Protein backbone atom coordinates (compact mmCIF):
# COMPACT_ATOMS: atom_id res chain seq x y z
CA MET A 1 94.69 72.30 66.49
CA ARG A 2 95.52 71.05 62.96
CA GLY A 3 99.11 72.20 63.46
CA LEU A 4 98.16 75.70 64.58
CA SER A 5 98.78 77.02 68.08
CA GLN A 6 97.62 79.94 70.18
CA SER A 7 98.57 81.00 73.71
CA THR A 8 96.67 83.25 76.08
CA ARG A 9 97.29 85.17 79.27
CA ILE A 10 94.90 86.87 81.68
CA GLU A 11 95.03 90.16 79.80
CA SER A 12 94.47 88.41 76.45
CA GLY A 13 90.76 88.05 77.20
CA VAL A 14 90.49 91.79 77.85
CA VAL A 15 92.11 92.60 74.50
CA ALA A 16 89.98 90.03 72.66
CA LEU A 17 86.72 91.47 74.04
CA ALA A 18 87.81 95.01 73.18
CA ASP A 19 88.69 93.91 69.62
CA HIS A 20 85.12 92.61 69.24
CA ASN A 21 83.65 96.00 70.28
CA LEU A 22 82.63 94.76 73.73
CA THR A 23 84.55 97.45 75.59
CA PRO A 24 82.24 97.54 78.69
CA LEU A 25 82.74 93.80 79.18
CA ALA A 26 86.49 94.15 78.59
CA LEU A 27 86.66 96.84 81.29
CA LEU A 28 84.73 94.57 83.69
CA VAL A 29 87.18 91.70 83.13
CA LEU A 30 90.12 94.09 83.54
CA LEU A 31 88.68 95.40 86.82
CA VAL A 32 87.85 92.08 88.48
CA SER A 33 90.83 90.03 87.22
CA PHE A 34 93.64 92.57 87.47
CA ALA A 35 92.92 96.01 88.93
CA ALA A 36 90.83 95.02 91.98
CA PRO A 37 93.12 92.14 93.12
CA LEU A 38 96.23 94.31 92.68
CA ILE A 39 94.74 97.22 94.64
CA ARG A 40 93.52 94.89 97.38
CA ILE A 41 96.86 93.11 97.78
CA THR A 42 98.87 96.36 97.70
CA ALA A 43 96.59 98.12 100.20
CA SER A 44 96.60 95.13 102.58
CA ILE A 45 100.42 94.95 102.53
CA TYR A 46 100.70 98.68 103.26
CA VAL A 47 98.16 98.53 106.12
CA LEU A 48 99.75 95.52 107.81
CA ALA A 49 103.24 96.97 107.39
CA SER A 50 102.08 100.29 108.86
CA LEU A 51 100.52 98.58 111.89
CA SER A 52 103.67 96.55 112.47
CA ARG A 53 105.60 99.86 112.64
CA GLY A 54 103.03 101.35 115.01
CA CYS A 55 101.63 103.79 112.43
CA ARG A 56 97.90 104.38 112.91
CA ALA A 57 97.37 107.45 110.73
CA ARG A 58 93.93 107.99 109.24
CA HIS A 59 95.11 107.37 105.68
CA VAL A 60 95.99 103.80 106.74
CA ALA A 61 92.36 103.23 107.81
CA VAL A 62 91.13 104.77 104.54
CA LEU A 63 93.33 102.35 102.58
CA PHE A 64 92.04 99.39 104.57
CA ARG A 65 88.47 100.57 103.92
CA LEU A 66 89.30 100.61 100.18
CA ALA A 67 90.72 97.07 100.39
CA GLU A 68 87.57 95.84 102.14
CA ARG A 69 85.21 97.60 99.73
CA ILE A 70 86.98 96.18 96.70
CA ARG A 71 87.28 92.64 98.09
CA PRO A 72 84.05 91.27 96.49
CA TRP A 73 85.23 92.58 93.10
CA ALA A 74 88.61 90.81 93.26
CA MET A 75 87.61 87.61 91.47
CA LEU A 76 90.81 85.66 90.87
CA ASP A 77 89.18 82.54 92.35
CA VAL A 78 86.28 82.87 89.90
CA LEU A 79 88.78 83.45 87.08
CA LEU A 80 90.64 80.27 88.00
CA LEU A 81 87.44 78.23 87.90
CA GLY A 82 86.43 79.85 84.60
CA THR A 83 89.84 78.97 83.14
CA LEU A 84 89.45 75.33 84.14
CA ILE A 85 85.98 75.26 82.53
CA ALA A 86 87.37 76.76 79.31
CA ILE A 87 90.09 74.10 79.23
CA THR A 88 87.49 71.37 79.76
CA LYS A 89 85.37 72.71 76.90
CA LEU A 90 88.37 72.63 74.55
CA HIS A 91 89.78 69.22 75.42
CA ASP A 92 87.70 67.45 72.72
CA LEU A 93 88.70 69.95 70.02
CA ALA A 94 92.38 70.55 70.55
CA THR A 95 95.44 69.69 72.59
CA VAL A 96 95.60 72.06 75.55
CA GLU A 97 98.87 72.66 77.38
CA ILE A 98 98.82 74.36 80.78
CA GLY A 99 101.45 77.08 81.17
CA ILE A 100 103.23 78.44 84.21
CA GLY A 101 100.79 81.35 84.32
CA LEU A 102 97.92 79.08 85.33
CA TRP A 103 100.00 77.38 88.02
CA ALA A 104 100.99 80.82 89.35
CA LEU A 105 97.33 81.89 89.32
CA GLY A 106 96.42 78.81 91.36
CA LEU A 107 99.11 79.58 93.93
CA LEU A 108 97.97 83.22 94.08
CA VAL A 109 94.36 82.17 94.72
CA LEU A 110 95.55 79.80 97.45
CA THR A 111 97.63 82.58 99.02
CA LEU A 112 94.71 85.02 99.02
CA ALA A 113 92.42 82.38 100.53
CA THR A 114 94.97 81.86 103.30
CA LEU A 115 95.15 85.62 103.82
CA ASP A 116 91.35 85.82 104.14
CA SER A 117 91.23 83.04 106.70
CA SER A 118 94.17 84.27 108.79
CA MET A 119 93.51 88.03 108.88
CA ASP A 120 91.39 89.16 111.83
CA ARG A 121 89.68 92.23 110.39
CA HIS A 122 88.13 93.15 113.73
CA ALA A 123 91.61 93.24 115.26
CA VAL A 124 92.90 95.43 112.42
CA TRP A 125 90.03 97.90 112.86
CA ALA A 126 90.47 97.85 116.64
CA ALA A 127 94.13 98.81 116.17
CA LEU A 128 93.16 101.62 113.78
CA HIS A 129 90.38 103.10 115.95
CA PRO A 130 91.27 106.37 117.66
CA ALA A 131 91.81 106.11 121.41
CA PRO A 132 88.51 106.70 123.28
CA GLU A 133 88.22 109.53 125.75
CA PRO A 134 88.58 108.24 129.32
CA HIS A 135 85.42 107.75 131.38
CA VAL A 136 83.18 108.54 128.36
CA ARG A 137 80.62 105.89 127.40
CA PRO A 138 78.60 106.21 124.17
CA ASN A 139 74.95 107.10 124.49
CA PRO A 140 72.86 104.69 122.33
CA SER A 141 70.27 107.36 121.56
CA THR A 142 72.82 109.86 120.25
CA SER A 143 75.49 107.56 118.81
CA MET A 144 75.99 105.85 115.45
CA GLY A 145 78.04 102.85 114.43
CA CYS A 146 80.13 102.85 111.25
CA LEU A 147 79.12 100.01 108.93
CA THR A 148 82.69 99.70 107.64
CA CYS A 149 84.97 99.75 110.71
CA GLY A 150 82.39 99.37 113.52
CA LEU A 151 83.46 102.45 115.49
CA VAL A 152 80.64 103.83 117.68
CA GLN A 153 80.74 107.62 117.80
CA PRO A 154 78.46 110.60 118.50
CA ALA A 155 75.90 111.21 115.76
CA ALA A 156 75.98 114.35 113.65
CA ALA A 157 73.30 117.02 113.91
CA LYS A 158 70.05 116.28 112.11
CA ASP A 159 70.27 116.32 108.30
CA LEU A 160 74.01 117.03 108.43
CA PRO A 161 76.27 114.38 106.82
CA ARG A 162 79.29 113.22 108.76
CA SER A 163 82.21 110.95 108.03
CA CYS A 164 83.60 108.30 110.36
CA ALA A 165 86.39 109.51 112.63
CA CYS A 166 88.39 106.37 111.87
CA CYS A 167 87.97 105.29 108.23
CA GLY A 168 86.25 108.31 106.66
CA ALA A 169 83.14 106.39 105.53
CA GLU A 170 79.86 108.29 105.42
CA LEU A 171 77.77 107.82 108.56
CA SER A 172 74.02 107.39 108.29
CA ARG A 173 71.26 105.78 110.31
CA ARG A 174 70.18 103.94 107.17
CA LYS A 175 71.49 103.86 103.60
CA SER A 176 70.01 106.82 101.76
CA ASN A 177 67.33 105.98 99.16
CA SER A 178 68.10 102.30 99.65
CA LEU A 179 64.72 100.96 98.51
CA ALA A 180 64.42 103.21 95.44
CA ARG A 181 67.93 102.43 94.21
CA THR A 182 67.57 98.70 94.85
CA TRP A 183 64.19 98.57 93.05
CA ALA A 184 65.70 100.39 90.05
CA LEU A 185 68.70 98.05 89.90
CA VAL A 186 66.57 94.90 90.28
CA ALA A 187 64.25 96.08 87.48
CA THR A 188 67.31 96.73 85.30
CA GLY A 189 68.60 93.25 86.09
CA PHE A 190 65.30 91.67 84.99
CA LEU A 191 65.34 93.68 81.75
CA LEU A 192 68.94 92.70 80.96
CA HIS A 193 68.20 89.06 81.74
CA VAL A 194 65.98 88.81 78.64
CA PRO A 195 68.66 89.62 76.00
CA ALA A 196 71.23 87.71 78.07
CA ASN A 197 69.28 84.51 77.34
CA ILE A 198 67.92 85.36 73.88
CA TYR A 199 71.03 86.59 72.07
CA PRO A 200 74.03 84.30 71.43
CA ALA A 201 76.71 84.26 74.10
CA VAL A 202 79.38 82.90 71.73
CA THR A 203 79.58 81.97 68.06
CA VAL A 204 81.94 79.25 66.82
CA ILE A 205 83.17 79.70 63.23
CA SER A 206 85.00 76.77 61.66
CA PHE A 207 85.88 76.52 57.95
CA GLY A 208 83.29 79.15 57.06
CA ARG A 209 80.45 77.55 59.02
CA SER A 210 79.14 79.25 62.14
CA ALA A 211 77.18 77.92 65.10
CA SER A 212 75.81 80.26 67.76
CA SER A 213 74.98 79.27 71.31
CA THR A 214 73.14 81.00 74.13
CA ILE A 215 74.04 80.46 77.79
CA VAL A 216 71.27 77.89 78.21
CA GLY A 217 72.21 76.35 74.85
CA GLY A 218 75.77 75.85 76.07
CA VAL A 219 74.45 73.97 79.11
CA LEU A 220 72.32 71.74 76.85
CA GLN A 221 75.33 70.99 74.63
CA LEU A 222 77.30 69.84 77.65
CA MET A 223 74.39 67.65 78.70
CA ASN A 224 74.22 66.09 75.23
CA ARG A 225 77.92 65.28 75.56
CA GLU A 226 77.08 63.71 78.95
CA ASP A 227 79.39 66.17 80.67
CA TRP A 228 76.96 66.44 83.60
CA PRO A 229 79.26 67.90 86.32
CA LEU A 230 80.33 70.80 84.10
CA ALA A 231 76.77 71.35 82.84
CA LEU A 232 75.48 71.46 86.41
CA LEU A 233 78.20 73.91 87.46
CA ILE A 234 77.53 76.33 84.58
CA PHE A 235 73.75 76.02 85.01
CA THR A 236 74.04 76.85 88.70
CA ALA A 237 76.44 79.79 88.29
CA SER A 238 75.08 81.31 85.07
CA VAL A 239 71.36 80.44 85.05
CA ALA A 240 70.10 79.60 88.53
CA VAL A 241 72.13 82.06 90.62
CA PRO A 242 71.24 85.25 88.64
CA VAL A 243 67.52 84.38 88.65
CA LEU A 244 67.52 83.46 92.34
CA LYS A 245 69.39 86.68 93.21
CA LEU A 246 66.80 88.80 91.41
CA LEU A 247 63.88 86.89 92.92
CA GLY A 248 65.47 86.97 96.38
CA LEU A 249 66.04 90.73 96.28
CA THR A 250 62.48 91.23 95.01
CA TRP A 251 61.16 89.20 97.95
CA LEU A 252 63.19 91.24 100.42
CA LEU A 253 61.96 94.50 98.91
CA LEU A 254 58.33 93.33 99.01
CA SER A 255 58.70 92.14 102.61
CA VAL A 256 59.85 95.63 103.59
CA ARG A 257 57.11 97.26 101.53
CA PHE A 258 54.33 95.23 103.16
CA ARG A 259 55.95 95.31 106.63
CA LEU A 260 56.09 91.57 107.11
CA ARG A 261 57.00 90.55 110.66
CA GLY A 262 57.85 86.87 110.28
CA HIS A 263 61.16 85.10 109.59
CA LEU A 264 63.33 88.16 110.26
CA LEU A 265 66.49 86.14 110.85
CA ASP A 266 65.82 83.97 107.79
CA ARG A 267 65.40 87.04 105.60
CA THR A 268 68.60 88.55 106.98
CA ARG A 269 70.48 85.32 106.24
CA LEU A 270 68.97 85.29 102.74
CA TYR A 271 70.34 88.79 102.14
CA ARG A 272 73.83 87.77 103.30
CA PHE A 273 73.72 84.71 101.04
CA ILE A 274 72.71 86.84 98.03
CA GLU A 275 75.52 89.26 98.82
CA PHE A 276 78.05 86.41 99.00
CA ILE A 277 76.99 84.31 95.99
CA GLY A 278 76.62 87.12 93.44
CA ARG A 279 80.24 87.25 92.28
CA TRP A 280 80.30 83.60 91.13
CA SER A 281 78.00 84.34 88.20
CA THR A 282 80.99 85.97 86.49
CA ILE A 283 82.28 82.51 85.51
CA ASP A 284 80.60 82.59 82.08
CA VAL A 285 82.08 86.03 81.33
CA PHE A 286 85.59 84.70 82.00
CA VAL A 287 84.95 81.58 79.93
CA ALA A 288 83.79 83.67 76.95
CA ALA A 289 86.78 86.02 77.24
CA LEU A 290 89.32 83.18 77.45
CA LEU A 291 87.79 81.16 74.61
CA THR A 292 87.69 84.27 72.40
CA ALA A 293 91.38 84.88 73.01
CA LEU A 294 92.44 81.23 72.78
CA VAL A 295 90.43 80.02 69.77
CA ALA A 296 91.60 82.52 67.15
CA LEU A 297 92.96 80.22 64.44
CA GLY A 298 91.66 81.95 61.31
CA GLN A 299 89.61 79.77 58.97
CA VAL A 300 90.27 76.64 61.04
CA ALA A 301 88.40 77.79 64.14
CA THR A 302 87.37 81.10 65.70
CA ILE A 303 85.15 81.88 68.69
CA GLU A 304 83.44 85.28 68.83
CA PRO A 305 81.55 86.70 71.82
CA GLY A 306 77.97 87.85 71.27
CA LEU A 307 75.55 90.40 72.68
CA GLY A 308 74.19 87.77 75.05
CA ILE A 309 77.39 87.66 77.12
CA LEU A 310 77.48 91.49 77.20
CA ALA A 311 73.94 91.61 78.60
CA PHE A 312 74.80 88.83 81.04
CA GLY A 313 77.76 90.83 82.33
CA GLY A 314 75.31 93.68 82.90
CA VAL A 315 73.09 91.35 84.95
CA VAL A 316 76.03 90.31 87.14
CA VAL A 317 77.17 93.88 87.84
CA THR A 318 73.62 95.18 88.37
CA THR A 319 72.71 92.47 90.90
CA MET A 320 75.95 92.92 92.83
CA ILE A 321 75.37 96.67 93.13
CA ALA A 322 71.71 96.05 94.02
CA ALA A 323 72.71 93.77 96.91
CA ALA A 324 75.18 96.39 98.14
CA SER A 325 72.49 99.12 97.89
CA PHE A 326 69.91 97.26 99.97
CA ASP A 327 69.98 98.02 103.70
CA PRO A 328 69.09 94.85 105.67
CA ARG A 329 68.26 96.95 108.74
CA LEU A 330 65.08 97.98 106.91
CA ILE A 331 63.83 94.41 107.33
CA TRP A 332 63.77 94.96 111.08
CA ASP A 333 62.54 98.56 110.85
CA SER A 334 59.50 97.54 108.83
CA ALA A 335 58.62 94.95 111.47
CA ALA A 336 58.91 97.64 114.19
CA VAL A 337 61.72 95.78 115.99
CA GLY A 338 63.95 98.05 118.09
CA SER A 339 63.97 101.82 118.05
CA GLY A 340 64.25 102.11 114.27
């Protein structure tokens, strides 16, 4: 841009956010774009290699449990989409050259998608389960199933915690304090949603003049430029999805509170959809981090992240943890379906 150039890598966005005193957001980007994918890939390789050698030690199951728990937080696919959006936003302002790092990221995302589609997790857990005692069948009234690996095993004595014999996860009939924790997290998400849309997400400074933009304002700017596909994508991921997640979780909590009996399957599917879609709201966080690192050309042009994107990152994390805290079995309990 005007003879000046700037290059960026994945970690450049982390450093740029930290330099602007947005350390919590920098740690989030570091976790979901580097740490979580690396841990997941390394743990999966170790588990599969161990099974191929016939090793079924408990630490292998614990590692696979870690890889599965961290899977929703490994967001390289979201990062790739956010990078493409950042490039699209810059194409009218500067000449953008795609480096080998982006091509490698695309191949890595494709590889991980192939891994997800080809790995039979039920088969992996079945291979890791301890051998059952012969001629012993589990008693439904005194047995519990592990939510992580699916192993059915005798329940612990009343009020005594117990870990799974296979993967070490805590066993419980229902998630402890599920409703209270989910209500608290949903309320926090609603509170953070206000500054996320009031305060600027990014500020563009060019030749001493600054222009701030909120998340919704960025969508409107794209619409004014008649860039409708990109505007629709950002509106869906950064505006519609967070609001619908909060409203959907609120509806599920109220349905349990008032013991509604109808549409049990629909409400269960709604919960699974909320759990799946939550991670894609991180797109705007990646876009802000990449633009901050890439557009740092002194007086010519600089992009600075604002408090709005920090609050928005809080909304994303809060709603993801809220979905993980909610126990969908309570939907059926409240309707008095099954033994409860």
